[in-house]
Amino acid sequence: MTDGDTVVFMTGGNELRVRLTEIDAPENDQPFGDESTSMLADMVSQDLVTLESEGTDRYGRTLGRFYVDDLDVNREMVARGGAWVYRDYMSDSSFLENETAAREAGRGLWAFDDPIEPWNWRRGERLPAPAITPVSSVSDSPWSCSDKPYCGDMTSCAQAYFHLEQCGLQRLDRDKDGVPCESICR
């Protein structure tokens, strides 16, 4: 597995990359990315997987749908909340019913508030910064700019924002998206 919508197989000593049609799963660095990859791996690790090929994409990957016995793996990824319907490349609109049911039930990625679609994530859109009460001045803060902490030293997202915005510790925002210490401020 490379992620929740791409599988790599070895067949006859050759690598075959298959991109699942109809769906787009969270990226590996995106919330629920690892879980989506594991979900797909659990479904296709069966002894017999059937692939219905639908051609190739611009990256040379085989496009297709996977089946394990009667289970439509592509559809099941959406139904379990492991992927979105990839609207730009959708040819089977019935997948939208599976996505709606997963969202309403809060399954998988739908357990998150306002998850970001992978196609937007790849363009740099990230989850909005959590609402915090800004510190109006350094003197109003329980923290001090004389401290030069790292993300591992932070005890709250508010503290991380204070050190980024009030003290100018740019190292706290490694990817320059305005959100410091993303392991804390998700």
Protein backbone atom coordinates (compact mmCIF):
# COMPACT_ATOMS: atom_id res chain seq x y z
CA MET A 1 0.00 0.00 0.00
CA THR A 2 1.20 3.48 -0.64
CA ASP A 3 -1.96 5.10 0.74
CA GLY A 4 -5.69 4.49 0.99
CA ASP A 5 -6.33 4.61 -2.76
CA THR A 6 -3.17 3.13 -4.31
CA VAL A 7 -1.91 -0.45 -4.09
CA VAL A 8 1.43 -1.81 -5.32
CA PHE A 9 1.60 -5.46 -6.31
CA MET A 10 4.50 -7.58 -7.48
CA THR A 11 3.47 -9.74 -10.43
CA GLY A 12 6.00 -11.88 -12.25
CA GLY A 13 8.85 -9.79 -10.84
CA ASN A 14 7.27 -6.54 -12.06
CA GLU A 15 5.69 -3.82 -9.98
CA LEU A 16 2.07 -3.01 -10.73
CA ARG A 17 0.68 0.24 -9.24
CA VAL A 18 -3.08 0.35 -9.11
CA ARG A 19 -5.03 3.54 -8.38
CA LEU A 20 -8.54 2.78 -7.15
CA THR A 21 -11.18 4.53 -9.23
CA GLU A 22 -14.07 6.59 -7.88
CA ILE A 23 -12.28 7.44 -4.61
CA ASP A 24 -9.68 9.77 -3.14
CA ALA A 25 -8.25 8.82 0.25
CA PRO A 26 -6.50 11.07 2.78
CA GLU A 27 -2.83 11.69 2.09
CA ASN A 28 -0.32 9.98 4.37
CA ASP A 29 0.47 13.27 6.15
CA GLN A 30 -3.20 14.14 6.48
CA PRO A 31 -5.44 13.33 9.46
CA PHE A 32 -6.75 9.76 9.05
CA GLY A 33 -4.18 9.01 6.31
CA ASP A 34 -2.55 6.11 8.16
CA GLU A 35 -5.91 4.68 9.18
CA SER A 36 -7.16 4.82 5.60
CA THR A 37 -4.05 3.01 4.36
CA SER A 38 -4.50 0.31 7.01
CA MET A 39 -8.18 -0.03 6.14
CA LEU A 40 -7.34 -0.70 2.49
CA ALA A 41 -4.51 -3.07 3.42
CA ASP A 42 -6.85 -5.11 5.61
CA MET A 43 -9.32 -5.51 2.74
CA VAL A 44 -6.88 -6.41 -0.04
CA SER A 45 -4.58 -8.65 1.97
CA GLN A 46 -6.89 -11.57 1.19
CA ASP A 47 -5.65 -14.53 -0.82
CA LEU A 48 -7.66 -13.68 -3.92
CA VAL A 49 -8.23 -10.12 -5.06
CA THR A 50 -9.88 -9.42 -8.40
CA LEU A 51 -9.00 -6.28 -10.33
CA GLU A 52 -11.26 -4.76 -12.97
CA SER A 53 -8.87 -2.58 -14.93
CA GLU A 54 -10.15 0.67 -16.41
CA GLY A 55 -7.02 1.83 -18.22
CA THR A 56 -4.11 3.92 -16.95
CA ASP A 57 -3.73 7.43 -15.59
CA ARG A 58 -1.25 10.12 -16.58
CA TYR A 59 1.25 8.70 -14.05
CA GLY A 60 1.20 5.27 -15.67
CA ARG A 61 -0.76 3.65 -12.84
CA THR A 62 -3.41 1.09 -13.66
CA LEU A 63 -6.86 2.41 -12.82
CA GLY A 64 -9.37 -0.04 -11.49
CA ARG A 65 -11.75 -1.51 -9.00
CA PHE A 66 -10.83 -4.21 -6.54
CA TYR A 67 -13.08 -7.02 -5.42
CA VAL A 68 -12.56 -9.57 -2.67
CA ASP A 69 -15.21 -12.20 -3.31
CA ASP A 70 -18.35 -10.03 -3.67
CA LEU A 71 -16.95 -7.07 -1.75
CA ASP A 72 -16.39 -3.95 -3.90
CA VAL A 73 -13.30 -2.62 -2.10
CA ASN A 74 -13.48 0.85 -3.70
CA ARG A 75 -17.08 1.31 -2.55
CA GLU A 76 -16.31 -0.16 0.88
CA MET A 77 -13.51 2.38 1.42
CA VAL A 78 -16.10 5.14 1.03
CA ALA A 79 -18.77 3.30 3.07
CA ARG A 80 -16.37 2.81 6.00
CA GLY A 81 -15.25 6.44 5.89
CA GLY A 82 -11.79 5.64 4.55
CA ALA A 83 -12.09 7.83 1.45
CA TRP A 84 -14.13 10.49 -0.29
CA VAL A 85 -15.85 10.05 -3.63
CA TYR A 86 -13.46 11.64 -6.11
CA ARG A 87 -15.96 13.91 -7.79
CA ASP A 88 -13.65 15.12 -10.57
CA TYR A 89 -13.18 11.54 -11.82
CA MET A 90 -16.43 9.91 -10.67
CA SER A 91 -18.19 7.69 -13.17
CA ASP A 92 -20.53 5.95 -10.70
CA SER A 93 -22.63 8.49 -8.80
CA SER A 94 -24.08 5.77 -6.54
CA PHE A 95 -20.85 6.10 -4.49
CA LEU A 96 -22.25 9.41 -3.22
CA GLU A 97 -24.92 7.51 -1.27
CA ASN A 98 -22.17 5.54 0.51
CA GLU A 99 -20.32 8.76 1.36
CA THR A 100 -23.48 10.40 2.72
CA ALA A 101 -24.25 7.37 4.91
CA ALA A 102 -20.67 7.29 6.26
CA ARG A 103 -20.75 11.03 6.97
CA GLU A 104 -24.11 10.84 8.76
CA ALA A 105 -22.90 7.89 10.86
CA GLY A 106 -19.58 9.62 11.68
CA ARG A 107 -17.56 6.67 10.37
CA GLY A 108 -13.83 6.90 9.70
CA LEU A 109 -12.65 10.31 8.58
CA TRP A 110 -16.13 11.68 9.22
CA ALA A 111 -15.43 11.47 12.96
CA PHE A 112 -13.30 14.62 12.45
CA ASP A 113 -14.90 18.07 12.38
CA ASP A 114 -14.77 19.44 8.84
CA PRO A 115 -12.23 17.07 7.28
CA ILE A 116 -10.31 18.53 4.34
CA GLU A 117 -10.67 16.69 1.04
CA PRO A 118 -7.38 15.24 -0.26
CA TRP A 119 -7.56 17.27 -3.49
CA ASN A 120 -7.65 20.44 -1.35
CA TRP A 121 -4.99 19.12 1.04
CA ARG A 122 -2.61 18.58 -1.89
CA ARG A 123 -3.12 22.25 -2.84
CA GLY A 124 -2.01 23.27 0.65
CA GLU A 125 -5.35 23.74 2.41
CA ARG A 126 -5.09 22.59 6.01
CA LEU A 127 -7.44 22.35 8.93
CA PRO A 128 -8.30 25.75 10.34
CA ALA A 129 -6.34 26.84 13.38
CA PRO A 130 -8.24 26.23 16.59
CA ALA A 131 -9.97 29.18 18.18
CA ILE A 132 -7.80 30.56 20.92
CA THR A 133 -8.01 33.70 22.99
CA PRO A 134 -5.23 35.96 21.76
CA VAL A 135 -2.88 37.45 24.28
CA SER A 136 -3.11 41.19 23.79
CA SER A 137 0.39 41.87 25.00
CA VAL A 138 3.41 40.05 26.30
CA SER A 139 2.77 41.46 29.78
CA ASP A 140 -0.71 39.83 29.87
CA SER A 141 0.75 36.41 29.19
CA PRO A 142 1.63 33.64 31.61
CA TRP A 143 4.60 32.90 29.30
CA SER A 144 7.77 34.81 28.66
CA CYS A 145 9.63 35.58 25.45
CA SER A 146 12.87 35.10 27.35
CA ASP A 147 12.08 31.38 27.14
CA LYS A 148 13.06 29.92 23.78
CA PRO A 149 11.03 26.70 23.80
CA TYR A 150 10.56 24.10 21.11
CA CYS A 151 7.27 22.38 20.24
CA GLY A 152 8.15 19.54 22.61
CA ASP A 153 8.21 22.06 25.47
CA MET A 154 4.69 23.38 24.79
CA THR A 155 1.84 22.46 27.10
CA SER A 156 -0.94 24.04 25.02
CA CYS A 157 -1.77 25.36 21.59
CA ALA A 158 -2.25 28.84 23.07
CA GLN A 159 1.33 28.74 24.37
CA ALA A 160 2.59 27.73 20.92
CA TYR A 161 0.70 30.61 19.27
CA PHE A 162 2.04 33.04 21.87
CA HIS A 163 5.64 32.08 21.13
CA LEU A 164 5.06 32.23 17.37
CA GLU A 165 3.10 35.48 17.22
CA GLN A 166 4.36 37.49 20.21
CA CYS A 167 7.97 36.25 20.36
CA GLY A 168 8.54 35.54 16.66
CA LEU A 169 9.76 31.95 17.08
CA GLN A 170 9.33 30.97 13.43
CA ARG A 171 10.85 27.51 14.02
CA LEU A 172 7.53 26.57 15.64
CA ASP A 173 5.88 26.83 12.21
CA ARG A 174 8.10 24.56 10.14
CA ASP A 175 5.76 24.31 7.15
CA LYS A 176 5.00 28.07 7.18
CA ASP A 177 1.22 27.63 7.19
CA GLY A 178 0.64 29.91 10.20
CA VAL A 179 -0.10 27.02 12.57
CA PRO A 180 2.64 26.36 15.14
CA CYS A 181 3.47 22.96 16.61
CA GLU A 182 0.94 21.07 14.54
CA SER A 183 1.18 18.01 16.75
CA ILE A 184 -0.52 20.18 19.41
CA CYS A 185 -2.52 22.65 17.28
CA ARG A 186 -4.56 20.39 15.00
